[in-house]
Every structure is written in structure tokens, then in C-alpha cells.
Amino acid sequence: MMFKVEWKEGAIRQLEKLEIFLSRRIYKKVSELSLNPFSKGIKKLKGSDLFRARVGDYRIILEIDLSNKLITILRIGHRKNIYET
């Protein structure tokens, strides 16, 4: 049961700003999510329908649509400022 992964424009831009080794780790994590979106390290954000995945000090904010088997990558950023709206 594979999920389709969709990247928002902002998330792609944030990924491109990171160092190459870090963006590769994040990309690898997202690829793993397409196989199992509820794997270890995925947490639901409080008061929201969004989820977060951890890659070192960085967070991937994502939306999981079970009915359409779709994962939408919304934002990527350092843990100290990713949760600011």
C-alpha cells in the first residue's frame, strides 16, 4: 500500500536551501513515509490535523490523506522555528 507524495512549492524551496547531506536525509525519510506514513517518529501536532516527522534537528510538517492515499509535504524547517505560524 504505497502513498503518493506531493510537495508544496514552499517545502521544495525550504529543502533546496539546506545542505545537500541534510536534504538527502529528509528526502529519504519522505520516501520511507510513502511506504508507511505512520512509522516510528511520526507525531500528530496538537490542535491540528497535521503531522510531523523528525530528521535530526529538522522537522517535516505533513498532511496525511488516508482516503486518497496522499501525503502532502507542507513545510520543512529547523525545530526551533518550524512551529511558528
PDB file of N, CA and C in Angstrom:
ATOM      1  N   MET A   1       0.840  -1.192   0.000  1.00  0.00           N
ATOM      2  CA  MET A   1       0.000   0.000   0.000  1.00  0.00           C
ATOM      3  C   MET A   1       0.880   1.249   0.000  1.00  0.00           C
ATOM      4  N   MET A   2       1.155   1.764  -1.183  1.00  0.00           N
ATOM      5  CA  MET A   2       2.006   2.946  -1.312  1.00  0.00           C
ATOM      6  C   MET A   2       1.164   4.220  -1.290  1.00  0.00           C
ATOM      7  N   PHE A   3       1.690   5.220  -0.648  1.00  0.00           N
ATOM      8  CA  PHE A   3       1.056   6.531  -0.658  1.00  0.00           C
ATOM      9  C   PHE A   3       1.763   7.396  -1.689  1.00  0.00           C
ATOM     10  N   LYS A   4       1.004   8.248  -2.344  1.00  0.00           N
ATOM     11  CA  LYS A   4       1.590   9.203  -3.282  1.00  0.00           C
ATOM     12  C   LYS A   4       2.076  10.387  -2.440  1.00  0.00           C
ATOM     13  N   VAL A   5       3.230  10.944  -2.801  1.00  0.00           N
ATOM     14  CA  VAL A   5       3.769  12.088  -2.058  1.00  0.00           C
ATOM     15  C   VAL A   5       3.696  13.319  -2.944  1.00  0.00           C
ATOM     16  N   GLU A   6       3.129  14.377  -2.370  1.00  0.00           N
ATOM     17  CA  GLU A   6       3.014  15.645  -3.086  1.00  0.00           C
ATOM     18  C   GLU A   6       3.771  16.701  -2.286  1.00  0.00           C
ATOM     19  N   TRP A   7       4.622  17.460  -2.955  1.00  0.00           N
ATOM     20  CA  TRP A   7       5.414  18.504  -2.301  1.00  0.00           C
ATOM     21  C   TRP A   7       4.821  19.864  -2.605  1.00  0.00           C
ATOM     22  N   LYS A   8       4.579  20.667  -1.577  1.00  0.00           N
ATOM     23  CA  LYS A   8       4.153  22.050  -1.781  1.00  0.00           C
ATOM     24  C   LYS A   8       5.379  22.857  -2.211  1.00  0.00           C
ATOM     25  N   GLU A   9       5.142  23.897  -2.993  1.00  0.00           N
ATOM     26  CA  GLU A   9       6.222  24.740  -3.525  1.00  0.00           C
ATOM     27  C   GLU A   9       7.136  25.261  -2.413  1.00  0.00           C
ATOM     28  N   GLY A  10       6.527  25.724  -1.314  1.00  0.00           N
ATOM     29  CA  GLY A  10       7.314  26.257  -0.200  1.00  0.00           C
ATOM     30  C   GLY A  10       8.238  25.215   0.413  1.00  0.00           C
ATOM     31  N   ALA A  11       7.752  23.987   0.526  1.00  0.00           N
ATOM     32  CA  ALA A  11       8.563  22.903   1.096  1.00  0.00           C
ATOM     33  C   ALA A  11       9.754  22.595   0.188  1.00  0.00           C
ATOM     34  N   ILE A  12       9.550  22.639  -1.121  1.00  0.00           N
ATOM     35  CA  ILE A  12      10.645  22.393  -2.062  1.00  0.00           C
ATOM     36  C   ILE A  12      11.704  23.483  -1.912  1.00  0.00           C
ATOM     37  N   ARG A  13      11.252  24.734  -1.811  1.00  0.00           N
ATOM     38  CA  ARG A  13      12.205  25.851  -1.641  1.00  0.00           C
ATOM     39  C   ARG A  13      12.987  25.696  -0.344  1.00  0.00           C
ATOM     40  N   GLN A  14      12.301  25.303   0.740  1.00  0.00           N
ATOM     41  CA  GLN A  14      12.981  25.130   2.024  1.00  0.00           C
ATOM     42  C   GLN A  14      14.001  24.004   1.940  1.00  0.00           C
ATOM     43  N   LEU A  15      13.650  22.934   1.242  1.00  0.00           N
ATOM     44  CA  LEU A  15      14.556  21.795   1.073  1.00  0.00           C
ATOM     45  C   LEU A  15      15.801  22.209   0.285  1.00  0.00           C
ATOM     46  N   GLU A  16      15.615  23.016  -0.747  1.00  0.00           N
ATOM     47  CA  GLU A  16      16.735  23.444  -1.596  1.00  0.00           C
ATOM     48  C   GLU A  16      17.724  24.330  -0.854  1.00  0.00           C
ATOM     49  N   LYS A  17      17.274  25.019   0.201  1.00  0.00           N
ATOM     50  CA  LYS A  17      18.158  25.912   0.963  1.00  0.00           C
ATOM     51  C   LYS A  17      19.086  25.151   1.903  1.00  0.00           C
ATOM     52  N   LEU A  18      18.745  23.897   2.199  1.00  0.00           N
ATOM     53  CA  LEU A  18      19.520  23.125   3.166  1.00  0.00           C
ATOM     54  C   LEU A  18      20.777  22.534   2.533  1.00  0.00           C
ATOM     55  N   GLU A  19      21.712  22.135   3.399  1.00  0.00           N
ATOM     56  CA  GLU A  19      22.918  21.469   2.909  1.00  0.00           C
ATOM     57  C   GLU A  19      22.520  20.150   2.260  1.00  0.00           C
ATOM     58  N   ILE A  20      23.283  19.738   1.256  1.00  0.00           N
ATOM     59  CA  ILE A  20      22.918  18.583   0.430  1.00  0.00           C
ATOM     60  C   ILE A  20      22.746  17.302   1.251  1.00  0.00           C
ATOM     61  N   PHE A  21      23.632  17.057   2.230  1.00  0.00           N
ATOM     62  CA  PHE A  21      23.521  15.816   3.015  1.00  0.00           C
ATOM     63  C   PHE A  21      22.224  15.807   3.819  1.00  0.00           C
ATOM     64  N   LEU A  22      21.821  16.983   4.288  1.00  0.00           N
ATOM     65  CA  LEU A  22      20.599  17.087   5.084  1.00  0.00           C
ATOM     66  C   LEU A  22      19.368  16.932   4.202  1.00  0.00           C
ATOM     67  N   SER A  23      19.377  17.570   3.041  1.00  0.00           N
ATOM     68  CA  SER A  23      18.212  17.440   2.153  1.00  0.00           C
ATOM     69  C   SER A  23      18.062  16.000   1.666  1.00  0.00           C
ATOM     70  N   ARG A  24      19.173  15.285   1.495  1.00  0.00           N
ATOM     71  CA  ARG A  24      19.096  13.865   1.114  1.00  0.00           C
ATOM     72  C   ARG A  24      18.458  13.039   2.221  1.00  0.00           C
ATOM     73  N   ARG A  25      18.827  13.320   3.474  1.00  0.00           N
ATOM     74  CA  ARG A  25      18.243  12.590   4.604  1.00  0.00           C
ATOM     75  C   ARG A  25      16.737  12.843   4.687  1.00  0.00           C
ATOM     76  N   ILE A  26      16.349  14.095   4.462  1.00  0.00           N
ATOM     77  CA  ILE A  26      14.935  14.454   4.522  1.00  0.00           C
ATOM     78  C   ILE A  26      14.184  13.768   3.383  1.00  0.00           C
ATOM     79  N   TYR A  27      14.773  13.787   2.191  1.00  0.00           N
ATOM     80  CA  TYR A  27      14.133  13.150   1.034  1.00  0.00           C
ATOM     81  C   TYR A  27      13.964  11.649   1.265  1.00  0.00           C
ATOM     82  N   LYS A  28      15.003  11.040   1.881  1.00  0.00           N
ATOM     83  CA  LYS A  28      14.956   9.600   2.178  1.00  0.00           C
ATOM     84  C   LYS A  28      13.827   9.309   3.171  1.00  0.00           C
ATOM     85  N   LYS A  29      13.692  10.162   4.183  1.00  0.00           N
ATOM     86  CA  LYS A  29      12.635   9.995   5.188  1.00  0.00           C
ATOM     87  C   LYS A  29      11.257  10.077   4.532  1.00  0.00           C
ATOM     88  N   VAL A  30      11.084  11.046   3.623  1.00  0.00           N
ATOM     89  CA  VAL A  30       9.803  11.203   2.933  1.00  0.00           C
ATOM     90  C   VAL A  30       9.512   9.973   2.077  1.00  0.00           C
ATOM     91  N   SER A  31      10.543   9.424   1.440  1.00  0.00           N
ATOM     92  CA  SER A  31      10.363   8.206   0.635  1.00  0.00           C
ATOM     93  C   SER A  31       9.897   7.045   1.510  1.00  0.00           C
ATOM     94  N   GLU A  32      10.469   6.941   2.713  1.00  0.00           N
ATOM     95  CA  GLU A  32      10.061   5.887   3.645  1.00  0.00           C
ATOM     96  C   GLU A  32       8.605   6.083   4.074  1.00  0.00           C
ATOM     97  N   LEU A  33       8.187   7.353   4.207  1.00  0.00           N
ATOM     98  CA  LEU A  33       6.806   7.644   4.612  1.00  0.00           C
ATOM     99  C   LEU A  33       5.812   7.162   3.569  1.00  0.00           C
ATOM    100  N   SER A  34       6.203   7.184   2.298  1.00  0.00           N
ATOM    101  CA  SER A  34       5.277   6.741   1.253  1.00  0.00           C
ATOM    102  C   SER A  34       4.938   5.260   1.413  1.00  0.00           C
ATOM    103  N   LEU A  35       5.839   4.506   2.044  1.00  0.00           N
ATOM    104  CA  LEU A  35       5.576   3.089   2.315  1.00  0.00           C
ATOM    105  C   LEU A  35       4.758   2.911   3.588  1.00  0.00           C
ATOM    106  N   ASN A  36       5.058   3.719   4.607  1.00  0.00           N
ATOM    107  CA  ASN A  36       4.347   3.628   5.880  1.00  0.00           C
ATOM    108  C   ASN A  36       4.283   5.009   6.532  1.00  0.00           C
ATOM    109  N   PRO A  37       3.195   5.761   6.289  1.00  0.00           N
ATOM    110  CA  PRO A  37       3.111   7.124   6.820  1.00  0.00           C
ATOM    111  C   PRO A  37       2.995   7.205   8.341  1.00  0.00           C
ATOM    112  N   PHE A  38       2.756   6.081   8.987  1.00  0.00           N
ATOM    113  CA  PHE A  38       2.655   6.108  10.453  1.00  0.00           C
ATOM    114  C   PHE A  38       3.815   5.353  11.089  1.00  0.00           C
ATOM    115  N   SER A  39       4.986   5.467  10.470  1.00  0.00           N
ATOM    116  CA  SER A  39       6.163   4.798  11.004  1.00  0.00           C
ATOM    117  C   SER A  39       6.645   5.503  12.270  1.00  0.00           C
ATOM    118  N   LYS A  40       7.655   4.947  12.871  1.00  0.00           N
ATOM    119  CA  LYS A  40       8.222   5.493  14.104  1.00  0.00           C
ATOM    120  C   LYS A  40       8.661   6.952  13.891  1.00  0.00           C
ATOM    121  N   GLY A  41       8.390   7.786  14.859  1.00  0.00           N
ATOM    122  CA  GLY A  41       8.840   9.174  14.774  1.00  0.00           C
ATOM    123  C   GLY A  41       7.834  10.119  14.137  1.00  0.00           C
ATOM    124  N   ILE A  42       6.687   9.599  13.722  1.00  0.00           N
ATOM    125  CA  ILE A  42       5.642  10.458  13.162  1.00  0.00           C
ATOM    126  C   ILE A  42       4.687  10.801  14.292  1.00  0.00           C
ATOM    127  N   LYS A  43       4.484  12.096  14.514  1.00  0.00           N
ATOM    128  CA  LYS A  43       3.593  12.513  15.596  1.00  0.00           C
ATOM    129  C   LYS A  43       2.555  13.468  15.051  1.00  0.00           C
ATOM    130  N   LYS A  44       1.353  13.382  15.610  1.00  0.00           N
ATOM    131  CA  LYS A  44       0.292  14.305  15.237  1.00  0.00           C
ATOM    132  C   LYS A  44       0.511  15.600  16.010  1.00  0.00           C
ATOM    133  N   LEU A  45       0.369  16.726  15.332  1.00  0.00           N
ATOM    134  CA  LEU A  45       0.531  18.007  16.010  1.00  0.00           C
ATOM    135  C   LEU A  45      -0.718  18.302  16.835  1.00  0.00           C
ATOM    136  N   LYS A  46      -0.513  18.818  18.039  1.00  0.00           N
ATOM    137  CA  LYS A  46      -1.633  19.113  18.934  1.00  0.00           C
ATOM    138  C   LYS A  46      -2.521  20.202  18.322  1.00  0.00           C
ATOM    139  N   GLY A  47      -3.821  20.005  18.417  1.00  0.00           N
ATOM    140  CA  GLY A  47      -4.767  21.002  17.938  1.00  0.00           C
ATOM    141  C   GLY A  47      -4.757  21.180  16.429  1.00  0.00           C
ATOM    142  N   SER A  48      -4.354  20.145  15.703  1.00  0.00           N
ATOM    143  CA  SER A  48      -4.226  20.260  14.250  1.00  0.00           C
ATOM    144  C   SER A  48      -4.425  18.889  13.612  1.00  0.00           C
ATOM    145  N   ASP A  49      -4.708  18.880  12.323  1.00  0.00           N
ATOM    146  CA  ASP A  49      -4.795  17.617  11.590  1.00  0.00           C
ATOM    147  C   ASP A  49      -3.463  17.253  10.962  1.00  0.00           C
ATOM    148  N   LEU A  50      -2.441  18.058  11.220  1.00  0.00           N
ATOM    149  CA  LEU A  50      -1.136  17.844  10.599  1.00  0.00           C
ATOM    150  C   LEU A  50      -0.267  16.918  11.430  1.00  0.00           C
ATOM    151  N   PHE A  51       0.761  16.389  10.786  1.00  0.00           N
ATOM    152  CA  PHE A  51       1.722  15.509  11.433  1.00  0.00           C
ATOM    153  C   PHE A  51       3.112  16.076  11.257  1.00  0.00           C
ATOM    154  N   ARG A  52       4.048  15.565  12.048  1.00  0.00           N
ATOM    155  CA  ARG A  52       5.432  15.957  11.863  1.00  0.00           C
ATOM    156  C   ARG A  52       6.333  14.735  11.889  1.00  0.00           C
ATOM    157  N   ALA A  53       7.361  14.805  11.073  1.00  0.00           N
ATOM    158  CA  ALA A  53       8.381  13.761  11.054  1.00  0.00           C
ATOM    159  C   ALA A  53       9.691  14.418  11.455  1.00  0.00           C
ATOM    160  N   ARG A  54      10.521  13.682  12.151  1.00  0.00           N
ATOM    161  CA  ARG A  54      11.787  14.199  12.661  1.00  0.00           C
ATOM    162  C   ARG A  54      12.941  13.696  11.814  1.00  0.00           C
ATOM    163  N   VAL A  55      13.843  14.609  11.452  1.00  0.00           N
ATOM    164  CA  VAL A  55      15.115  14.235  10.819  1.00  0.00           C
ATOM    165  C   VAL A  55      16.174  15.076  11.520  1.00  0.00           C
ATOM    166  N   GLY A  56      16.800  14.499  12.526  1.00  0.00           N
ATOM    167  CA  GLY A  56      17.771  15.261  13.321  1.00  0.00           C
ATOM    168  C   GLY A  56      17.073  16.437  13.986  1.00  0.00           C
ATOM    169  N   ASP A  57      17.636  17.650  13.792  1.00  0.00           N
ATOM    170  CA  ASP A  57      17.041  18.857  14.365  1.00  0.00           C
ATOM    171  C   ASP A  57      15.999  19.473  13.442  1.00  0.00           C
ATOM    172  N   TYR A  58      15.727  18.822  12.334  1.00  0.00           N
ATOM    173  CA  TYR A  58      14.763  19.350  11.371  1.00  0.00           C
ATOM    174  C   TYR A  58      13.446  18.604  11.446  1.00  0.00           C
ATOM    175  N   ARG A  59      12.374  19.306  11.058  1.00  0.00           N
ATOM    176  CA  ARG A  59      11.044  18.727  11.086  1.00  0.00           C
ATOM    177  C   ARG A  59      10.402  18.859   9.710  1.00  0.00           C
ATOM    178  N   ILE A  60       9.634  17.845   9.362  1.00  0.00           N
ATOM    179  CA  ILE A  60       8.856  17.849   8.128  1.00  0.00           C
ATOM    180  C   ILE A  60       7.398  17.922   8.579  1.00  0.00           C
ATOM    181  N   ILE A  61       6.707  18.973   8.188  1.00  0.00           N
ATOM    182  CA  ILE A  61       5.289  19.111   8.529  1.00  0.00           C
ATOM    183  C   ILE A  61       4.501  18.564   7.346  1.00  0.00           C
ATOM    184  N   LEU A  62       3.609  17.610   7.633  1.00  0.00           N
ATOM    185  CA  LEU A  62       2.908  16.948   6.547  1.00  0.00           C
ATOM    186  C   LEU A  62       1.457  16.691   6.880  1.00  0.00           C
ATOM    187  N   GLU A  63       0.712  16.440   5.826  1.00  0.00           N
ATOM    188  CA  GLU A  63      -0.698  16.122   5.927  1.00  0.00           C
ATOM    189  C   GLU A  63      -0.873  14.722   5.357  1.00  0.00           C
ATOM    190  N   ILE A  64      -1.651  13.887   6.025  1.00  0.00           N
ATOM    191  CA  ILE A  64      -1.872  12.520   5.545  1.00  0.00           C
ATOM    192  C   ILE A  64      -3.351  12.358   5.211  1.00  0.00           C
ATOM    193  N   ASP A  65      -3.627  12.079   3.944  1.00  0.00           N
ATOM    194  CA  ASP A  65      -4.996  11.862   3.469  1.00  0.00           C
ATOM    195  C   ASP A  65      -5.167  10.370   3.208  1.00  0.00           C
ATOM    196  N   LEU A  66      -5.759   9.676   4.175  1.00  0.00           N
ATOM    197  CA  LEU A  66      -5.897   8.219   4.078  1.00  0.00           C
ATOM    198  C   LEU A  66      -6.816   7.785   2.932  1.00  0.00           C
ATOM    199  N   SER A  67      -7.906   8.514   2.733  1.00  0.00           N
ATOM    200  CA  SER A  67      -8.875   8.094   1.713  1.00  0.00           C
ATOM    201  C   SER A  67      -8.285   8.162   0.307  1.00  0.00           C
ATOM    202  N   ASN A  68      -7.403   9.137   0.052  1.00  0.00           N
ATOM    203  CA  ASN A  68      -6.782   9.258  -1.278  1.00  0.00           C
ATOM    204  C   ASN A  68      -5.360   8.709  -1.314  1.00  0.00           C
ATOM    205  N   LYS A  69      -4.908   8.146  -0.183  1.00  0.00           N
ATOM    206  CA  LYS A  69      -3.533   7.635  -0.072  1.00  0.00           C
ATOM    207  C   LYS A  69      -2.522   8.681  -0.538  1.00  0.00           C
ATOM    208  N   LEU A  70      -2.625   9.874   0.064  1.00  0.00           N
ATOM    209  CA  LEU A  70      -1.793  11.005  -0.336  1.00  0.00           C
ATOM    210  C   LEU A  70      -1.123  11.632   0.882  1.00  0.00           C
ATOM    211  N   ILE A  71       0.174  11.859   0.764  1.00  0.00           N
ATOM    212  CA  ILE A  71       0.931  12.582   1.790  1.00  0.00           C
ATOM    213  C   ILE A  71       1.350  13.903   1.161  1.00  0.00           C
ATOM    214  N   THR A  72       1.006  15.011   1.811  1.00  0.00           N
ATOM    215  CA  THR A  72       1.390  16.321   1.305  1.00  0.00           C
ATOM    216  C   THR A  72       2.444  16.913   2.230  1.00  0.00           C
ATOM    217  N   ILE A  73       3.617  17.197   1.670  1.00  0.00           N
ATOM    218  CA  ILE A  73       4.702  17.818   2.437  1.00  0.00           C
ATOM    219  C   ILE A  73       4.470  19.322   2.398  1.00  0.00           C
ATOM    220  N   LEU A  74       4.203  19.905   3.567  1.00  0.00           N
ATOM    221  CA  LEU A  74       3.829  21.313   3.636  1.00  0.00           C
ATOM    222  C   LEU A  74       5.022  22.228   3.919  1.00  0.00           C
ATOM    223  N   ARG A  75       5.802  21.869   4.939  1.00  0.00           N
ATOM    224  CA  ARG A  75       6.932  22.722   5.339  1.00  0.00           C
ATOM    225  C   ARG A  75       8.076  21.871   5.843  1.00  0.00           C
ATOM    226  N   ILE A  76       9.269  22.424   5.710  1.00  0.00           N
ATOM    227  CA  ILE A  76      10.470  21.786   6.257  1.00  0.00           C
ATOM    228  C   ILE A  76      11.238  22.889   6.949  1.00  0.00           C
ATOM    229  N   GLY A  77      11.726  22.610   8.151  1.00  0.00           N
ATOM    230  CA  GLY A  77      12.499  23.641   8.830  1.00  0.00           C
ATOM    231  C   GLY A  77      13.127  23.147  10.108  1.00  0.00           C
ATOM    232  N   HIS A  78      13.978  23.993  10.683  1.00  0.00           N
ATOM    233  CA  HIS A  78      14.644  23.680  11.943  1.00  0.00           C
ATOM    234  C   HIS A  78      13.609  23.653  13.058  1.00  0.00           C
ATOM    235  N   ARG A  79      13.818  22.788  14.012  1.00  0.00           N
ATOM    236  CA  ARG A  79      12.831  22.594  15.074  1.00  0.00           C
ATOM    237  C   ARG A  79      12.567  23.870  15.872  1.00  0.00           C
ATOM    238  N   LYS A  80      13.566  24.774  15.930  1.00  0.00           N
ATOM    239  CA  LYS A  80      13.379  25.960  16.758  1.00  0.00           C
ATOM    240  C   LYS A  80      12.395  26.963  16.137  1.00  0.00           C
ATOM    241  N   ASN A  81      12.189  26.883  14.819  1.00  0.00           N
ATOM    242  CA  ASN A  81      11.270  27.863  14.218  1.00  0.00           C
ATOM    243  C   ASN A  81      10.219  27.268  13.271  1.00  0.00           C
ATOM    244  N   ILE A  82      10.135  25.971  13.179  1.00  0.00           N
ATOM    245  CA  ILE A  82       9.173  25.355  12.249  1.00  0.00           C
ATOM    246  C   ILE A  82       7.735  25.519  12.737  1.00  0.00           C
ATOM    247  N   TYR A  83       7.523  25.598  14.047  1.00  0.00           N
ATOM    248  CA  TYR A  83       6.159  25.628  14.566  1.00  0.00           C
ATOM    249  C   TYR A  83       5.571  27.021  14.631  1.00  0.00           C
ATOM    250  N   GLU A  84       6.389  28.044  14.340  1.00  0.00           N
ATOM    251  CA  GLU A  84       5.867  29.416  14.326  1.00  0.00           C
ATOM    252  C   GLU A  84       4.976  29.559  13.101  1.00  0.00           C
ATOM    253  N   THR A  85       3.832  30.182  13.282  1.00  0.00           N
ATOM    254  CA  THR A  85       2.911  30.315  12.144  1.00  0.00           C
ATOM    255  C   THR A  85       3.158  31.572  11.347  1.00  0.00           C
TER     256      THR A  85
END
